[in-house]
PDB file of all heavy atoms in Angstrom:
ATOM      1  N   ILE A   1      33.349-103.336 -34.934  1.00  0.00           N
ATOM      2  CA  ILE A   1      31.971-103.794 -34.987  1.00  0.00           C
ATOM      3  C   ILE A   1      31.502-104.304 -33.630  1.00  0.00           C
ATOM      4  O   ILE A   1      30.354-104.086 -33.223  1.00  0.00           O
ATOM      5  CB  ILE A   1      31.788-104.874 -36.088  1.00  0.00           C
ATOM      6  CG1 ILE A   1      30.386-104.750 -36.710  1.00  0.00           C
ATOM      7  CG2 ILE A   1      32.020-106.271 -35.567  1.00  0.00           C
ATOM      8  CD1 ILE A   1      30.187-103.505 -37.527  1.00  0.00           C
ATOM      9  N   LEU A   2      32.386-104.966 -32.871  1.00  0.00           N
ATOM     10  CA  LEU A   2      32.011-105.431 -31.533  1.00  0.00           C
ATOM     11  C   LEU A   2      31.914-104.265 -30.557  1.00  0.00           C
ATOM     12  O   LEU A   2      31.117-104.304 -29.618  1.00  0.00           O
ATOM     13  CB  LEU A   2      33.010-106.476 -31.028  1.00  0.00           C
ATOM     14  CG  LEU A   2      32.930-107.838 -31.718  1.00  0.00           C
ATOM     15  CD1 LEU A   2      33.978-108.795 -31.159  1.00  0.00           C
ATOM     16  CD2 LEU A   2      31.540-108.442 -31.536  1.00  0.00           C
ATOM     17  N   ALA A   3      32.714-103.234 -30.789  1.00  0.00           N
ATOM     18  CA  ALA A   3      32.618-102.032 -29.950  1.00  0.00           C
ATOM     19  C   ALA A   3      31.261-101.360 -30.155  1.00  0.00           C
ATOM     20  O   ALA A   3      30.662-100.836 -29.203  1.00  0.00           O
ATOM     21  CB  ALA A   3      33.746-101.063 -30.285  1.00  0.00           C
ATOM     22  N   LEU A   4      30.751-101.383 -31.384  1.00  0.00           N
ATOM     23  CA  LEU A   4      29.417-100.838 -31.651  1.00  0.00           C
ATOM     24  C   LEU A   4      28.357-101.630 -30.893  1.00  0.00           C
ATOM     25  O   LEU A   4      27.413-101.063 -30.341  1.00  0.00           O
ATOM     26  CB  LEU A   4      29.109-100.884 -33.149  1.00  0.00           C
ATOM     27  CG  LEU A   4      29.887 -99.937 -34.072  1.00  0.00           C
ATOM     28  CD1 LEU A   4      29.459-100.146 -35.511  1.00  0.00           C
ATOM     29  CD2 LEU A   4      29.680 -98.489 -33.671  1.00  0.00           C
ATOM     30  N   VAL A   5      28.520-102.947 -30.856  1.00  0.00           N
ATOM     31  CA  VAL A   5      27.561-103.810 -30.166  1.00  0.00           C
ATOM     32  C   VAL A   5      27.545-103.505 -28.668  1.00  0.00           C
ATOM     33  O   VAL A   5      26.479-103.410 -28.050  1.00  0.00           O
ATOM     34  CB  VAL A   5      27.897-105.296 -30.400  1.00  0.00           C
ATOM     35  CG1 VAL A   5      27.017-106.194 -29.532  1.00  0.00           C
ATOM     36  CG2 VAL A   5      27.728-105.662 -31.872  1.00  0.00           C
ATOM     37  N   VAL A   6      28.730-103.349 -28.092  1.00  0.00           N
ATOM     38  CA  VAL A   6      28.834-103.107 -26.655  1.00  0.00           C
ATOM     39  C   VAL A   6      28.376-101.694 -26.303  1.00  0.00           C
ATOM     40  O   VAL A   6      27.847-101.451 -25.222  1.00  0.00           O
ATOM     41  CB  VAL A   6      30.278-103.348 -26.166  1.00  0.00           C
ATOM     42  CG1 VAL A   6      30.414-103.052 -24.679  1.00  0.00           C
ATOM     43  CG2 VAL A   6      30.675-104.792 -26.443  1.00  0.00           C
ATOM     44  N   GLY A   7      28.582-100.757 -27.212  1.00  0.00           N
ATOM     45  CA  GLY A   7      28.122 -99.402 -26.980  1.00  0.00           C
ATOM     46  C   GLY A   7      29.183 -98.343 -27.145  1.00  0.00           C
ATOM     47  O   GLY A   7      29.739 -97.856 -26.153  1.00  0.00           O
ATOM     48  N   ALA A   8      29.493 -97.970 -28.371  1.00  0.00           N
ATOM     49  CA  ALA A   8      30.433 -96.889 -28.652  1.00  0.00           C
ATOM     50  C   ALA A   8      30.073 -96.307 -30.015  1.00  0.00           C
ATOM     51  O   ALA A   8      29.623 -97.035 -30.900  1.00  0.00           O
ATOM     52  CB  ALA A   8      31.879 -97.396 -28.654  1.00  0.00           C
ATOM     53  N   SER A   9      30.259 -95.031 -30.190  1.00  0.00           N
ATOM     54  CA  SER A   9      29.974 -94.411 -31.480  1.00  0.00           C
ATOM     55  C   SER A   9      30.979 -94.903 -32.516  1.00  0.00           C
ATOM     56  O   SER A   9      32.063 -95.387 -32.158  1.00  0.00           O
ATOM     57  CB  SER A   9      30.054 -92.886 -31.367  1.00  0.00           C
ATOM     58  OG  SER A   9      31.390 -92.473 -31.105  1.00  0.00           O
ATOM     59  N   ARG A  10      30.637 -94.806 -33.784  1.00  0.00           N
ATOM     60  CA  ARG A  10      31.527 -95.290 -34.836  1.00  0.00           C
ATOM     61  C   ARG A  10      32.899 -94.609 -34.777  1.00  0.00           C
ATOM     62  O   ARG A  10      33.929 -95.257 -34.905  1.00  0.00           O
ATOM     63  CB  ARG A  10      30.896 -95.079 -36.211  1.00  0.00           C
ATOM     64  CG  ARG A  10      29.694 -95.969 -36.478  1.00  0.00           C
ATOM     65  CD  ARG A  10      29.117 -95.739 -37.863  1.00  0.00           C
ATOM     66  NE  ARG A  10      27.847 -96.441 -38.012  1.00  0.00           N
ATOM     67  CZ  ARG A  10      26.689 -95.944 -37.622  1.00  0.00           C
ATOM     68  NH1 ARG A  10      26.644 -94.749 -37.083  1.00  0.00           N
ATOM     69  NH2 ARG A  10      25.575 -96.654 -37.777  1.00  0.00           N
ATOM     70  N   PHE A  11      32.892 -93.296 -34.618  1.00  0.00           N
ATOM     71  CA  PHE A  11      34.168 -92.578 -34.617  1.00  0.00           C
ATOM     72  C   PHE A  11      35.024 -92.966 -33.424  1.00  0.00           C
ATOM     73  O   PHE A  11      36.222 -93.237 -33.579  1.00  0.00           O
ATOM     74  CB  PHE A  11      33.933 -91.064 -34.609  1.00  0.00           C
ATOM     75  CG  PHE A  11      35.214 -90.272 -34.608  1.00  0.00           C
ATOM     76  CD1 PHE A  11      35.962 -90.131 -35.774  1.00  0.00           C
ATOM     77  CD2 PHE A  11      35.702 -89.699 -33.438  1.00  0.00           C
ATOM     78  CE1 PHE A  11      37.150 -89.423 -35.773  1.00  0.00           C
ATOM     79  CE2 PHE A  11      36.895 -88.991 -33.430  1.00  0.00           C
ATOM     80  CZ  PHE A  11      37.618 -88.853 -34.602  1.00  0.00           C
ATOM     81  N   ARG A  12      34.427 -93.004 -32.220  1.00  0.00           N
ATOM     82  CA  ARG A  12      35.210 -93.353 -31.025  1.00  0.00           C
ATOM     83  C   ARG A  12      35.671 -94.806 -31.071  1.00  0.00           C
ATOM     84  O   ARG A  12      36.784 -95.124 -30.652  1.00  0.00           O
ATOM     85  CB  ARG A  12      34.389 -93.101 -29.755  1.00  0.00           C
ATOM     86  CG  ARG A  12      34.130 -91.647 -29.460  1.00  0.00           C
ATOM     87  CD  ARG A  12      35.416 -90.869 -29.344  1.00  0.00           C
ATOM     88  NE  ARG A  12      35.163 -89.435 -29.226  1.00  0.00           N
ATOM     89  CZ  ARG A  12      36.032 -88.502 -29.528  1.00  0.00           C
ATOM     90  NH1 ARG A  12      37.222 -88.834 -30.018  1.00  0.00           N
ATOM     91  NH2 ARG A  12      35.729 -87.225 -29.386  1.00  0.00           N
ATOM     92  N   ALA A  13      34.817 -95.688 -31.579  1.00  0.00           N
ATOM     93  CA  ALA A  13      35.202 -97.097 -31.705  1.00  0.00           C
ATOM     94  C   ALA A  13      36.376 -97.239 -32.661  1.00  0.00           C
ATOM     95  O   ALA A  13      37.336 -97.977 -32.397  1.00  0.00           O
ATOM     96  CB  ALA A  13      34.021 -97.927 -32.197  1.00  0.00           C
ATOM     97  N   THR A  14      36.311 -96.519 -33.785  1.00  0.00           N
ATOM     98  CA  THR A  14      37.388 -96.570 -34.775  1.00  0.00           C
ATOM     99  C   THR A  14      38.672 -95.979 -34.198  1.00  0.00           C
ATOM    100  O   THR A  14      39.753 -96.573 -34.328  1.00  0.00           O
ATOM    101  CB  THR A  14      36.985 -95.794 -36.044  1.00  0.00           C
ATOM    102  OG1 THR A  14      35.778 -96.343 -36.574  1.00  0.00           O
ATOM    103  CG2 THR A  14      38.072 -95.871 -37.099  1.00  0.00           C
ATOM    104  N   GLU A  15      38.564 -94.825 -33.564  1.00  0.00           N
ATOM    105  CA  GLU A  15      39.732 -94.163 -32.997  1.00  0.00           C
ATOM    106  C   GLU A  15      40.400 -95.034 -31.932  1.00  0.00           C
ATOM    107  O   GLU A  15      41.626 -95.223 -31.939  1.00  0.00           O
ATOM    108  CB  GLU A  15      39.327 -92.824 -32.388  1.00  0.00           C
ATOM    109  CG  GLU A  15      40.498 -92.036 -31.792  1.00  0.00           C
ATOM    110  CD  GLU A  15      40.034 -90.802 -31.045  1.00  0.00           C
ATOM    111  OE1 GLU A  15      39.266 -90.955 -30.072  1.00  0.00           O
ATOM    112  OE2 GLU A  15      40.448 -89.699 -31.432  1.00  0.00           O
ATOM    113  N   PHE A  16      39.596 -95.590 -31.006  1.00  0.00           N
ATOM    114  CA  PHE A  16      40.175 -96.405 -29.935  1.00  0.00           C
ATOM    115  C   PHE A  16      40.770 -97.691 -30.495  1.00  0.00           C
ATOM    116  O   PHE A  16      41.818 -98.150 -30.036  1.00  0.00           O
ATOM    117  CB  PHE A  16      39.108 -96.738 -28.892  1.00  0.00           C
ATOM    118  CG  PHE A  16      39.672 -97.381 -27.643  1.00  0.00           C
ATOM    119  CD1 PHE A  16      40.275 -96.608 -26.667  1.00  0.00           C
ATOM    120  CD2 PHE A  16      39.608 -98.752 -27.460  1.00  0.00           C
ATOM    121  CE1 PHE A  16      40.804 -97.187 -25.526  1.00  0.00           C
ATOM    122  CE2 PHE A  16      40.127 -99.343 -26.332  1.00  0.00           C
ATOM    123  CZ  PHE A  16      40.728 -98.560 -25.356  1.00  0.00           C
ATOM    124  N   SER A  17      40.111 -98.263 -31.495  1.00  0.00           N
ATOM    125  CA  SER A  17      40.639 -99.459 -32.136  1.00  0.00           C
ATOM    126  C   SER A  17      42.030 -99.191 -32.703  1.00  0.00           C
ATOM    127  O   SER A  17      42.941-100.017 -32.578  1.00  0.00           O
ATOM    128  CB  SER A  17      39.701 -99.923 -33.252  1.00  0.00           C
ATOM    129  OG  SER A  17      40.300-100.922 -34.050  1.00  0.00           O
ATOM    130  N   PHE A  18      42.197 -98.036 -33.322  1.00  0.00           N
ATOM    131  CA  PHE A  18      43.490 -97.682 -33.904  1.00  0.00           C
ATOM    132  C   PHE A  18      44.522 -97.411 -32.818  1.00  0.00           C
ATOM    133  O   PHE A  18      45.689 -97.796 -32.947  1.00  0.00           O
ATOM    134  CB  PHE A  18      43.346 -96.453 -34.799  1.00  0.00           C
ATOM    135  CG  PHE A  18      42.603 -96.720 -36.087  1.00  0.00           C
ATOM    136  CD1 PHE A  18      42.116 -97.986 -36.389  1.00  0.00           C
ATOM    137  CD2 PHE A  18      42.368 -95.707 -36.998  1.00  0.00           C
ATOM    138  CE1 PHE A  18      41.432 -98.233 -37.560  1.00  0.00           C
ATOM    139  CE2 PHE A  18      41.690 -95.947 -38.183  1.00  0.00           C
ATOM    140  CZ  PHE A  18      41.221 -97.219 -38.459  1.00  0.00           C
ATOM    141  N   LEU A  19      44.108 -96.732 -31.743  1.00  0.00           N
ATOM    142  CA  LEU A  19      45.038 -96.426 -30.653  1.00  0.00           C
ATOM    143  C   LEU A  19      45.556 -97.704 -29.991  1.00  0.00           C
ATOM    144  O   LEU A  19      46.738 -97.803 -29.656  1.00  0.00           O
ATOM    145  CB  LEU A  19      44.352 -95.538 -29.601  1.00  0.00           C
ATOM    146  CG  LEU A  19      44.088 -94.080 -30.009  1.00  0.00           C
ATOM    147  CD1 LEU A  19      43.258 -93.376 -28.945  1.00  0.00           C
ATOM    148  CD2 LEU A  19      45.413 -93.342 -30.233  1.00  0.00           C
ATOM    149  N   VAL A  20      44.680 -98.680 -29.823  1.00  0.00           N
ATOM    150  CA  VAL A  20      45.100 -99.967 -29.261  1.00  0.00           C
ATOM    151  C   VAL A  20      45.892-100.761 -30.291  1.00  0.00           C
ATOM    152  O   VAL A  20      46.846-101.473 -29.949  1.00  0.00           O
ATOM    153  CB  VAL A  20      43.880-100.784 -28.786  1.00  0.00           C
ATOM    154  CG1 VAL A  20      44.317-102.168 -28.301  1.00  0.00           C
ATOM    155  CG2 VAL A  20      43.147-100.050 -27.672  1.00  0.00           C
ATOM    156  N   GLY A  21      45.505-100.610 -31.548  1.00  0.00           N
ATOM    157  CA  GLY A  21      46.171-101.358 -32.613  1.00  0.00           C
ATOM    158  C   GLY A  21      47.620-100.967 -32.820  1.00  0.00           C
ATOM    159  O   GLY A  21      48.443-101.804 -33.202  1.00  0.00           O
ATOM    160  N   ILE A  22      47.960 -99.705 -32.551  1.00  0.00           N
ATOM    161  CA  ILE A  22      49.338 -99.262 -32.764  1.00  0.00           C
ATOM    162  C   ILE A  22      50.327-100.041 -31.891  1.00  0.00           C
ATOM    163  O   ILE A  22      51.245-100.679 -32.417  1.00  0.00           O
ATOM    164  CB  ILE A  22      49.463 -97.737 -32.541  1.00  0.00           C
ATOM    165  CG1 ILE A  22      48.754 -96.987 -33.674  1.00  0.00           C
ATOM    166  CG2 ILE A  22      50.927 -97.315 -32.478  1.00  0.00           C
ATOM    167  CD1 ILE A  22      48.633 -95.502 -33.449  1.00  0.00           C
ATOM    168  N   PRO A  23      50.179-100.056 -30.547  1.00  0.00           N
ATOM    169  CA  PRO A  23      51.119-100.855 -29.740  1.00  0.00           C
ATOM    170  C   PRO A  23      50.975-102.351 -29.979  1.00  0.00           C
ATOM    171  O   PRO A  23      51.960-103.091 -29.922  1.00  0.00           O
ATOM    172  CB  PRO A  23      50.763-100.484 -28.298  1.00  0.00           C
ATOM    173  CG  PRO A  23      49.358-100.002 -28.355  1.00  0.00           C
ATOM    174  CD  PRO A  23      49.221 -99.319 -29.689  1.00  0.00           C
ATOM    175  N   THR A  24      49.748-102.792 -30.259  1.00  0.00           N
ATOM    176  CA  THR A  24      49.519-104.221 -30.483  1.00  0.00           C
ATOM    177  C   THR A  24      50.270-104.711 -31.711  1.00  0.00           C
ATOM    178  O   THR A  24      51.000-105.717 -31.656  1.00  0.00           O
ATOM    179  CB  THR A  24      48.021-104.508 -30.659  1.00  0.00           C
ATOM    180  OG1 THR A  24      47.311-104.119 -29.477  1.00  0.00           O
ATOM    181  CG2 THR A  24      47.785-105.993 -30.916  1.00  0.00           C
ATOM    182  N   MET A  25      50.117-104.002 -32.830  1.00  0.00           N
ATOM    183  CA  MET A  25      50.747-104.432 -34.065  1.00  0.00           C
ATOM    184  C   MET A  25      52.254-104.235 -34.035  1.00  0.00           C
ATOM    185  O   MET A  25      53.014-105.044 -34.585  1.00  0.00           O
ATOM    186  CB  MET A  25      50.145-103.687 -35.255  1.00  0.00           C
ATOM    187  CG  MET A  25      48.642-103.900 -35.428  1.00  0.00           C
ATOM    188  SD  MET A  25      48.147-105.638 -35.350  1.00  0.00           S
ATOM    189  CE  MET A  25      49.034-106.284 -36.757  1.00  0.00           C
ATOM    190  N   LEU A  26      52.714-103.164 -33.387  1.00  0.00           N
ATOM    191  CA  LEU A  26      54.165-102.953 -33.294  1.00  0.00           C
ATOM    192  C   LEU A  26      54.805-104.030 -32.422  1.00  0.00           C
ATOM    193  O   LEU A  26      55.889-104.532 -32.741  1.00  0.00           O
ATOM    194  CB  LEU A  26      54.463-101.563 -32.732  1.00  0.00           C
ATOM    195  CG  LEU A  26      54.175-100.384 -33.668  1.00  0.00           C
ATOM    196  CD1 LEU A  26      54.505 -99.069 -32.980  1.00  0.00           C
ATOM    197  CD2 LEU A  26      54.967-100.509 -34.967  1.00  0.00           C
TER     198      LEU A  26
END
Protein backbone atom coordinates (compact mmCIF):
# COMPACT_ATOMS: atom_id res chain seq x y z
CA ILE A 1 0.00 0.00 0.00
CA LEU A 2 2.89 2.40 0.70
CA ALA A 3 4.48 1.42 -2.61
CA LEU A 4 1.25 2.50 -4.31
CA VAL A 5 1.46 5.85 -2.51
CA VAL A 6 5.06 6.42 -3.59
CA GLY A 7 4.33 5.34 -7.14
CA ALA A 8 4.22 1.73 -8.33
CA SER A 9 1.60 -0.36 -10.08
CA ARG A 10 -0.27 -2.93 -7.99
CA PHE A 11 1.37 -5.89 -9.71
CA ARG A 12 4.93 -4.52 -9.51
CA ALA A 13 4.43 -3.39 -5.91
CA THR A 14 3.13 -6.85 -4.98
CA GLU A 15 5.89 -8.66 -6.88
CA PHE A 16 8.70 -6.53 -5.40
CA SER A 17 7.20 -6.82 -1.93
CA PHE A 18 7.33 -10.60 -2.25
CA LEU A 19 10.87 -10.59 -3.68
CA VAL A 20 12.11 -8.53 -0.73
CA GLY A 21 9.98 -10.53 1.67
CA ILE A 22 11.62 -13.84 0.78
CA PRO A 23 15.15 -13.00 2.09
CA THR A 24 13.68 -10.84 4.86
CA MET A 25 11.44 -13.55 6.28
CA LEU A 26 13.99 -16.33 5.82
